[in-house]
Amino acid sequence: MKFSIKLPRLQDILLIYFFSLQFMRRYIFSHLPGRNVLALLCLVALIAATMLKDKNFIYKYKDIFIYFGTIVVIFGFQFIINPETRVWLTREFGIGIALIMGGIFAYPVIRLQDDFSRMIRGLKISALLLGLMYAKMVLEPIRKGYWEYTQFGKIMRNSSNMSWSYGVLFVICVCSYMIIAEKKKYMCIPVAAGLAGILLYGSRGTIISFVIGTALTILFYNNDKQDYRKYIVVIAAALAVAFVFSDTGISLIAGLAEKYELDSRFIRSFVRASQGDSSFSDESSGRDRIWKLVIKLIAEKPLGYGVMGHRNAIYSIGIKWGYSHNIFLDLLAEWGVLVGSALILLAGAGIMRFLLVVKNKPEKLLFIMFITVSCELLLSGYMWIHYGVWALLALYINHFAFNWTKDRPIDMLLKLIKHKGAKK
């Protein structure tokens, strides 16, 4: 009897390492000096090694060089013409955290993948590692009654944890993929446990993201079996749930409950608006104040402020994160109304094209998974920190430009020409 062991390829190691970065930093690099910098250097080294193993890497992966070159030019130009933005080189949630979190590196990580099934296996391993880590993290609020973490130099104690919530969402998405594409029904258990944890300890944005992802799966996984009425019902239901969990929706429900003297302990515990001098705005990370300010900034300068150019204004009103908590507002503020709107429309068209054109259902599910994770950017996060947008871009490029799956029109045309040539 022969035994064969298949060693992982560099692409596989790179993928698993990238999506398990939180696990690596917490349990491996935490014991080493300069853990965040060291973790980042290992990521860069893996990307470089994966590229260099191909002799034609400069030509084959020229888009990766263009990608990073563009980012360097964008930020460099902004910091030269607008010195006020340079503070974000060192300020928390600025350039440093963007590099440490590694979000922008999602593009080369996904772009360097050339085997769809192996990629899925790698994501499963990452989800397993992260799932174990997040399960262990839940022991802290169970034991102490709160999460303890450091934020802007202060030790914070909180009954919720948004970072945990969005991390668990990735695990839920991978498990959901296994339920739908691989018919592994027992994966419903971690999905249910994860959603229960999010409702107890997480953020509303995670629930909204999951609802949007579920709606997209229903609409586009078997879109050949849908009719327009189902599209209307599913979209309306998703929008209704998203509204109920939004700032405006919860504010409205809380106001109605108070007006009619209904017992709204759940609502009050959710927003904590009735305790002391706390307002709903405070409990929602000041989103309504941020959004009003950013809309005002956009109206005052419709040509845009450049990358991170509007963040000092947000910081000045006491919101230390600095970003808009909404990807659309960030794009409009940074790039201006005209260019920002074009980018939003282009992204929307690209997403719809992928969902409607791609026939490989597991690949489509993977794309929806990254859309779901990216929905965090509708209510939180910043695109230069988050990996979702860049992963989606790489998936799109891999499919339509570099023949990740063999169903492009150009391939069919080349086969037809070759077939006719052979006949002659």
Protein backbone atom coordinates (compact mmCIF):
# COMPACT_ATOMS: atom_id res chain seq x y z
CA MET A 1 0.00 0.00 0.00
CA LYS A 2 1.37 3.42 -0.99
CA PHE A 3 0.88 6.52 1.06
CA SER A 4 1.18 9.97 -0.49
CA ILE A 5 1.33 13.24 1.37
CA LYS A 6 0.47 16.38 -0.57
CA LEU A 7 2.42 19.29 0.81
CA PRO A 8 0.65 22.67 0.72
CA ARG A 9 1.71 25.04 -2.01
CA LEU A 10 2.90 28.57 -1.30
CA GLN A 11 -0.45 29.90 -2.53
CA ASP A 12 -2.25 27.71 0.02
CA ILE A 13 0.04 28.76 2.88
CA LEU A 14 -0.35 32.43 1.91
CA LEU A 15 -4.15 32.22 1.86
CA ILE A 16 -4.42 30.39 5.20
CA TYR A 17 -1.91 32.72 6.82
CA PHE A 18 -3.69 35.88 5.61
CA PHE A 19 -7.17 34.86 6.74
CA SER A 20 -5.80 33.52 10.05
CA LEU A 21 -3.76 36.64 10.85
CA GLN A 22 -5.76 37.39 14.00
CA PHE A 23 -5.14 33.86 15.25
CA MET A 24 -1.43 34.09 14.38
CA ARG A 25 -0.97 37.44 16.10
CA ARG A 26 -2.81 36.29 19.22
CA TYR A 27 -1.24 32.87 19.76
CA ILE A 28 2.08 32.89 17.88
CA PHE A 29 3.44 36.39 17.32
CA SER A 30 2.30 37.59 20.76
CA HIS A 31 5.31 35.71 22.20
CA LEU A 32 7.74 37.48 19.85
CA PRO A 33 9.10 41.05 19.91
CA GLY A 34 7.41 43.48 17.52
CA ARG A 35 4.58 41.03 16.87
CA ASN A 36 2.52 43.26 14.55
CA VAL A 37 5.47 44.30 12.40
CA LEU A 38 6.80 40.74 12.30
CA ALA A 39 3.39 39.37 11.27
CA LEU A 40 3.21 41.96 8.47
CA LEU A 41 6.74 41.18 7.26
CA CYS A 42 5.88 37.46 7.09
CA LEU A 43 2.81 38.30 5.00
CA VAL A 44 4.85 40.43 2.59
CA ALA A 45 7.53 37.72 2.38
CA LEU A 46 4.91 35.06 1.53
CA ILE A 47 3.41 37.27 -1.19
CA ALA A 48 6.86 37.94 -2.67
CA ALA A 49 7.88 34.26 -2.51
CA THR A 50 4.63 33.17 -4.21
CA MET A 51 5.17 35.67 -7.03
CA LEU A 52 8.89 34.92 -7.49
CA LYS A 53 8.37 31.21 -8.00
CA ASP A 54 6.94 32.07 -11.43
CA LYS A 55 9.70 33.07 -13.87
CA ASN A 56 7.34 35.44 -15.69
CA PHE A 57 6.03 37.03 -12.49
CA ILE A 58 6.63 40.63 -13.66
CA TYR A 59 4.42 40.16 -16.74
CA LYS A 60 1.95 37.72 -15.21
CA TYR A 61 1.32 39.79 -12.07
CA LYS A 62 1.83 43.27 -13.47
CA ASP A 63 -1.57 44.26 -12.11
CA ILE A 64 -0.28 43.70 -8.55
CA PHE A 65 2.60 46.13 -9.17
CA ILE A 66 0.16 48.63 -10.68
CA TYR A 67 -2.17 48.15 -7.69
CA PHE A 68 0.48 48.94 -5.05
CA GLY A 69 2.03 51.65 -7.20
CA THR A 70 -1.34 53.40 -7.45
CA ILE A 71 -1.84 53.22 -3.67
CA VAL A 72 1.62 54.69 -3.02
CA VAL A 73 0.99 57.54 -5.50
CA ILE A 74 -2.47 58.30 -4.06
CA PHE A 75 -1.26 58.53 -0.47
CA GLY A 76 2.06 60.18 -1.34
CA PHE A 77 0.38 62.89 -3.43
CA GLN A 78 -2.16 63.58 -0.68
CA PHE A 79 0.44 63.89 2.08
CA ILE A 80 2.52 66.27 -0.08
CA ILE A 81 -0.31 68.65 -1.05
CA ASN A 82 -2.23 68.38 2.23
CA PRO A 83 0.20 68.29 5.20
CA GLU A 84 -2.70 68.19 7.69
CA THR A 85 -3.41 64.59 6.72
CA ARG A 86 0.09 63.44 7.70
CA VAL A 87 -1.06 62.98 11.30
CA TRP A 88 -2.77 59.79 10.14
CA LEU A 89 0.64 58.27 9.53
CA THR A 90 0.96 57.77 13.29
CA ARG A 91 -2.56 58.29 14.64
CA GLU A 92 -4.50 55.19 15.72
CA PHE A 93 -6.75 53.82 12.96
CA GLY A 94 -4.50 55.55 10.40
CA ILE A 95 -1.86 54.23 8.00
CA GLY A 96 -0.24 52.08 10.69
CA ILE A 97 -3.36 50.06 11.46
CA ALA A 98 -4.10 49.79 7.72
CA LEU A 99 -0.75 48.04 7.25
CA ILE A 100 -1.00 45.95 10.44
CA MET A 101 -4.53 44.76 9.66
CA GLY A 102 -3.31 44.01 6.14
CA GLY A 103 -6.62 44.74 4.41
CA ILE A 104 -5.05 46.09 1.22
CA PHE A 105 -2.97 42.89 0.91
CA ALA A 106 -6.16 40.91 0.23
CA TYR A 107 -5.82 41.80 -3.46
CA PRO A 108 -2.46 40.05 -4.07
CA VAL A 109 -3.41 37.18 -1.73
CA ILE A 110 -6.56 36.35 -3.74
CA ARG A 111 -5.05 37.33 -7.07
CA LEU A 112 -2.23 34.78 -6.60
CA GLN A 113 -4.71 31.91 -6.14
CA ASP A 114 -5.05 29.72 -9.23
CA ASP A 115 -7.13 26.82 -7.94
CA PHE A 116 -10.67 27.52 -6.78
CA SER A 117 -11.18 24.25 -4.86
CA ARG A 118 -7.86 24.62 -3.01
CA MET A 119 -8.83 28.15 -2.08
CA ILE A 120 -12.04 26.87 -0.50
CA ARG A 121 -10.06 24.32 1.51
CA GLY A 122 -7.74 27.06 2.74
CA LEU A 123 -10.65 29.23 3.86
CA LYS A 124 -12.09 26.28 5.77
CA ILE A 125 -8.82 25.86 7.69
CA SER A 126 -8.75 29.58 8.48
CA ALA A 127 -12.39 29.50 9.62
CA LEU A 128 -11.63 26.55 11.91
CA LEU A 129 -8.70 28.35 13.55
CA LEU A 130 -10.67 31.57 13.94
CA GLY A 131 -13.75 29.71 15.18
CA LEU A 132 -11.73 28.10 17.97
CA MET A 133 -10.19 31.46 18.85
CA TYR A 134 -13.55 33.28 19.00
CA ALA A 135 -15.10 30.45 21.02
CA LYS A 136 -12.29 30.82 23.56
CA MET A 137 -12.73 34.60 23.61
CA VAL A 138 -16.39 34.18 24.62
CA LEU A 139 -15.23 32.65 27.91
CA GLU A 140 -14.13 36.13 29.03
CA PRO A 141 -17.58 37.80 29.12
CA ILE A 142 -19.10 34.59 30.49
CA ARG A 143 -16.59 34.57 33.35
CA LYS A 144 -16.22 38.33 34.00
CA GLY A 145 -19.45 39.68 32.59
CA TYR A 146 -17.61 41.99 30.17
CA TRP A 147 -14.94 42.19 27.46
CA GLU A 148 -11.73 43.99 28.39
CA TYR A 149 -9.61 45.59 25.69
CA THR A 150 -7.42 48.64 25.08
CA GLN A 151 -8.74 51.40 22.85
CA PHE A 152 -6.94 54.68 22.23
CA GLY A 153 -4.65 53.97 25.18
CA LYS A 154 -7.51 53.32 27.61
CA ILE A 155 -8.59 50.00 29.08
CA MET A 156 -12.24 49.54 28.13
CA ARG A 157 -14.83 47.20 29.62
CA ASN A 158 -17.87 46.47 27.54
CA SER A 159 -20.64 43.89 27.32
CA SER A 160 -20.32 43.85 23.52
CA ASN A 161 -17.45 43.47 21.10
CA MET A 162 -17.84 44.59 17.48
CA SER A 163 -14.46 43.21 16.38
CA TRP A 164 -15.43 39.78 17.70
CA SER A 165 -18.80 40.08 15.99
CA TYR A 166 -17.42 40.82 12.53
CA GLY A 167 -14.73 38.16 12.92
CA VAL A 168 -17.38 35.56 13.72
CA LEU A 169 -19.30 36.66 10.61
CA PHE A 170 -16.45 35.35 8.43
CA VAL A 171 -16.65 31.96 10.20
CA ILE A 172 -20.44 31.91 9.75
CA CYS A 173 -20.06 32.67 6.03
CA VAL A 174 -17.60 29.80 5.49
CA CYS A 175 -19.86 27.40 7.41
CA SER A 176 -22.87 28.60 5.39
CA TYR A 177 -20.92 27.92 2.19
CA MET A 178 -20.40 24.32 3.37
CA ILE A 179 -24.13 23.96 4.09
CA ILE A 180 -25.25 25.26 0.70
CA ALA A 181 -22.54 24.04 -1.67
CA GLU A 182 -21.46 20.84 0.09
CA LYS A 183 -24.75 19.87 1.81
CA LYS A 184 -23.05 19.57 5.23
CA LYS A 185 -26.11 20.21 7.37
CA TYR A 186 -24.25 19.75 10.67
CA MET A 187 -22.60 23.11 9.96
CA CYS A 188 -25.92 24.65 10.99
CA ILE A 189 -24.71 24.19 14.60
CA PRO A 190 -21.75 26.64 14.42
CA VAL A 191 -23.85 29.02 12.31
CA ALA A 192 -26.63 29.05 14.93
CA ALA A 193 -24.10 29.41 17.77
CA GLY A 194 -22.35 32.26 15.97
CA LEU A 195 -25.59 34.15 15.32
CA ALA A 196 -26.66 33.66 18.94
CA GLY A 197 -23.30 35.06 20.06
CA ILE A 198 -23.69 38.05 17.76
CA LEU A 199 -27.15 38.82 19.16
CA LEU A 200 -25.76 38.62 22.71
CA TYR A 201 -22.34 40.23 22.33
CA GLY A 202 -22.05 41.62 18.83
CA SER A 203 -23.18 44.53 16.72
CA ARG A 204 -26.26 45.29 14.69
CA GLY A 205 -24.12 45.80 11.61
CA THR A 206 -23.21 42.12 11.63
CA ILE A 207 -26.87 41.10 11.58
CA ILE A 208 -27.56 43.51 8.72
CA SER A 209 -24.58 42.08 6.80
CA PHE A 210 -25.82 38.52 7.31
CA VAL A 211 -29.33 39.46 6.16
CA ILE A 212 -27.96 41.07 2.98
CA GLY A 213 -25.77 38.03 2.30
CA THR A 214 -28.73 35.70 2.81
CA ALA A 215 -30.86 37.74 0.40
CA LEU A 216 -28.12 37.70 -2.27
CA THR A 217 -27.75 33.93 -1.90
CA ILE A 218 -31.50 33.39 -2.33
CA LEU A 219 -31.63 35.68 -5.36
CA PHE A 220 -28.49 34.67 -7.25
CA TYR A 221 -27.49 31.15 -6.22
CA ASN A 222 -30.40 29.72 -8.21
CA ASN A 223 -31.24 32.88 -10.14
CA ASP A 224 -32.36 30.84 -13.16
CA LYS A 225 -35.32 29.63 -11.07
CA GLN A 226 -36.41 33.08 -9.84
CA ASP A 227 -39.09 35.40 -11.18
CA TYR A 228 -39.47 39.14 -10.59
CA ARG A 229 -41.99 38.67 -7.74
CA LYS A 230 -39.50 36.67 -5.69
CA TYR A 231 -36.87 39.33 -6.29
CA ILE A 232 -39.25 42.00 -5.00
CA VAL A 233 -40.26 40.00 -1.89
CA VAL A 234 -36.70 39.03 -0.93
CA ILE A 235 -35.29 42.52 -1.48
CA ALA A 236 -38.19 44.12 0.45
CA ALA A 237 -37.76 41.69 3.35
CA ALA A 238 -33.98 42.27 3.50
CA LEU A 239 -34.43 46.05 3.43
CA ALA A 240 -37.09 45.86 6.16
CA VAL A 241 -34.84 43.83 8.49
CA ALA A 242 -31.89 46.12 7.75
CA PHE A 243 -34.04 49.17 8.56
CA VAL A 244 -35.26 47.70 11.85
CA PHE A 245 -31.65 47.14 12.98
CA SER A 246 -30.40 50.49 11.66
CA ASP A 247 -29.91 53.60 13.81
CA THR A 248 -33.07 55.17 12.40
CA GLY A 249 -35.13 51.99 12.82
CA ILE A 250 -34.16 51.32 16.44
CA SER A 251 -34.58 55.02 17.27
CA LEU A 252 -38.10 54.93 15.81
CA ILE A 253 -39.05 51.73 17.65
CA ALA A 254 -37.62 53.03 20.93
CA GLY A 255 -39.53 56.31 20.48
CA LEU A 256 -42.83 54.52 19.77
CA ALA A 257 -42.32 52.20 22.75
CA GLU A 258 -41.70 55.16 25.03
CA LYS A 259 -44.64 57.12 23.60
CA TYR A 260 -47.11 54.30 24.21
CA GLU A 261 -45.46 53.31 27.52
CA LEU A 262 -44.59 49.84 26.29
CA ASP A 263 -42.03 47.68 28.04
CA SER A 264 -38.97 48.17 25.86
CA ARG A 265 -36.25 46.66 28.02
CA PHE A 266 -34.75 44.92 24.99
CA ILE A 267 -34.60 48.18 23.06
CA ARG A 268 -33.23 50.08 26.06
CA SER A 269 -30.58 47.47 26.70
CA PHE A 270 -29.68 47.61 23.01
CA VAL A 271 -29.26 51.38 22.70
CA ARG A 272 -28.91 52.30 26.41
CA ALA A 273 -30.47 55.60 25.54
CA SER A 274 -32.57 55.79 28.68
CA GLN A 275 -29.70 55.43 31.14
CA GLY A 276 -28.29 58.64 32.64
CA ASP A 277 -27.32 61.31 30.15
CA SER A 278 -26.45 58.80 27.44
CA SER A 279 -28.04 59.50 24.07
CA PHE A 280 -28.70 57.20 21.14
CA SER A 281 -26.05 59.08 19.20
CA ASP A 282 -23.46 58.18 21.84
CA GLU A 283 -24.48 54.55 21.84
CA SER A 284 -24.25 54.30 18.04
CA SER A 285 -20.62 55.52 18.03
CA GLY A 286 -21.90 58.97 17.07
CA ARG A 287 -22.86 57.81 13.59
CA ASP A 288 -25.64 60.33 13.09
CA ARG A 289 -23.29 63.19 14.00
CA ILE A 290 -20.57 61.77 11.72
CA TRP A 291 -22.93 61.33 8.77
CA LYS A 292 -24.39 64.84 9.11
CA LEU A 293 -20.89 66.30 9.27
CA VAL A 294 -19.59 64.31 6.28
CA ILE A 295 -22.64 65.23 4.16
CA LYS A 296 -21.95 68.88 5.05
CA LEU A 297 -18.27 68.45 4.12
CA ILE A 298 -19.23 66.93 0.75
CA ALA A 299 -21.61 69.83 0.04
CA GLU A 300 -18.87 72.35 0.91
CA LYS A 301 -16.25 70.70 -1.28
CA PRO A 302 -17.92 68.51 -3.96
CA LEU A 303 -14.58 67.86 -5.71
CA GLY A 304 -13.38 65.87 -2.68
CA TYR A 305 -10.70 66.11 0.01
CA GLY A 306 -8.40 63.33 -1.16
CA VAL A 307 -7.62 60.08 0.66
CA MET A 308 -8.07 60.58 4.45
CA GLY A 309 -8.55 64.30 3.77
CA HIS A 310 -11.84 64.56 5.66
CA ARG A 311 -10.78 62.53 8.70
CA ASN A 312 -9.40 65.44 10.74
CA ALA A 313 -12.82 67.10 10.64
CA ILE A 314 -14.44 63.94 12.05
CA TYR A 315 -11.67 63.60 14.64
CA SER A 316 -12.25 67.20 15.74
CA ILE A 317 -15.81 66.46 16.93
CA GLY A 318 -14.53 63.78 19.29
CA ILE A 319 -14.83 60.74 17.01
CA LYS A 320 -11.30 59.35 17.28
CA TRP A 321 -11.79 56.68 14.63
CA GLY A 322 -11.94 59.47 12.06
CA TYR A 323 -13.67 57.54 9.28
CA SER A 324 -17.25 58.02 8.10
CA HIS A 325 -18.61 54.63 9.20
CA ASN A 326 -20.05 54.34 5.68
CA ILE A 327 -18.12 53.38 2.56
CA PHE A 328 -20.31 55.48 0.24
CA LEU A 329 -19.76 58.66 2.27
CA ASP A 330 -16.03 57.90 2.45
CA LEU A 331 -15.82 57.56 -1.34
CA LEU A 332 -17.81 60.75 -1.97
CA ALA A 333 -15.79 62.73 0.60
CA GLU A 334 -12.40 61.49 -0.58
CA TRP A 335 -12.92 61.44 -4.34
CA GLY A 336 -15.66 64.01 -4.80
CA VAL A 337 -19.25 63.66 -5.94
CA LEU A 338 -18.47 62.99 -9.60
CA VAL A 339 -15.60 60.50 -9.27
CA GLY A 340 -17.01 58.96 -6.06
CA SER A 341 -20.41 58.37 -7.67
CA ALA A 342 -18.69 56.83 -10.71
CA LEU A 343 -16.73 54.45 -8.45
CA ILE A 344 -19.91 53.43 -6.61
CA LEU A 345 -21.80 52.79 -9.86
CA LEU A 346 -18.83 50.91 -11.33
CA ALA A 347 -18.60 48.70 -8.24
CA GLY A 348 -22.33 48.02 -8.31
CA ALA A 349 -22.23 47.14 -12.00
CA GLY A 350 -19.24 44.83 -11.46
CA ILE A 351 -20.97 43.01 -8.61
CA MET A 352 -24.15 42.53 -10.64
CA ARG A 353 -22.16 41.34 -13.65
CA PHE A 354 -20.38 38.72 -11.57
CA LEU A 355 -23.59 37.47 -9.95
CA LEU A 356 -25.47 37.27 -13.25
CA VAL A 357 -22.72 36.02 -15.59
CA VAL A 358 -20.71 33.53 -13.51
CA LYS A 359 -22.20 30.05 -13.81
CA ASN A 360 -20.00 28.25 -11.29
CA LYS A 361 -22.25 28.23 -8.21
CA PRO A 362 -19.55 27.61 -5.57
CA GLU A 363 -17.53 30.49 -7.03
CA LYS A 364 -20.61 32.68 -6.92
CA LEU A 365 -21.19 31.70 -3.28
CA LEU A 366 -17.61 32.66 -2.46
CA PHE A 367 -18.17 36.06 -4.05
CA ILE A 368 -21.36 36.54 -2.01
CA MET A 369 -19.44 35.53 1.12
CA PHE A 370 -16.98 38.39 0.61
CA ILE A 371 -19.84 40.78 -0.19
CA THR A 372 -21.44 39.79 3.12
CA VAL A 373 -18.24 40.41 5.06
CA SER A 374 -17.76 43.72 3.20
CA CYS A 375 -21.19 44.95 4.31
CA GLU A 376 -19.49 45.92 7.58
CA LEU A 377 -18.41 49.01 5.63
CA LEU A 378 -22.03 50.18 5.38
CA LEU A 379 -22.09 50.97 9.12
CA SER A 380 -18.52 50.70 10.30
CA GLY A 381 -14.91 50.19 9.27
CA TYR A 382 -12.84 51.86 6.57
CA MET A 383 -12.03 50.48 3.13
CA TRP A 384 -8.27 51.04 3.57
CA ILE A 385 -8.34 48.86 6.68
CA HIS A 386 -10.88 46.22 5.69
CA TYR A 387 -9.98 43.35 3.34
CA GLY A 388 -13.42 42.78 1.81
CA VAL A 389 -13.40 45.32 -1.05
CA TRP A 390 -9.92 44.29 -2.22
CA ALA A 391 -10.78 40.58 -2.05
CA LEU A 392 -13.87 41.19 -4.21
CA LEU A 393 -11.79 43.12 -6.74
CA ALA A 394 -9.26 40.27 -6.96
CA LEU A 395 -12.01 37.65 -7.39
CA TYR A 396 -13.48 39.72 -10.21
CA ILE A 397 -10.10 40.17 -11.92
CA ASN A 398 -9.24 36.48 -11.55
CA HIS A 399 -12.46 35.40 -13.20
CA PHE A 400 -12.86 37.89 -16.03
CA ALA A 401 -9.25 38.79 -16.84
CA PHE A 402 -7.13 35.77 -15.98
CA ASN A 403 -9.36 32.77 -16.70
CA TRP A 404 -9.70 31.41 -13.18
CA THR A 405 -12.68 29.45 -14.42
CA LYS A 406 -12.97 28.54 -18.09
CA ASP A 407 -16.26 30.09 -19.09
CA ARG A 408 -15.13 33.45 -20.49
CA PRO A 409 -16.42 34.48 -23.93
CA ILE A 410 -12.83 34.94 -25.18
CA ASP A 411 -12.01 31.30 -24.37
CA MET A 412 -15.08 30.06 -26.21
CA LEU A 413 -14.13 32.23 -29.21
CA LEU A 414 -10.55 30.91 -29.27
CA LYS A 415 -11.82 27.31 -29.10
CA LEU A 416 -14.20 27.99 -32.00
CA ILE A 417 -11.41 29.48 -34.14
CA LYS A 418 -9.12 26.56 -33.32
CA HIS A 419 -11.88 24.06 -34.18
CA LYS A 420 -12.57 25.68 -37.57
CA GLY A 421 -8.83 25.79 -38.32
CA ALA A 422 -8.53 22.08 -37.59
CA LYS A 423 -11.40 21.30 -40.02
CA LYS A 424 -9.72 23.17 -42.84
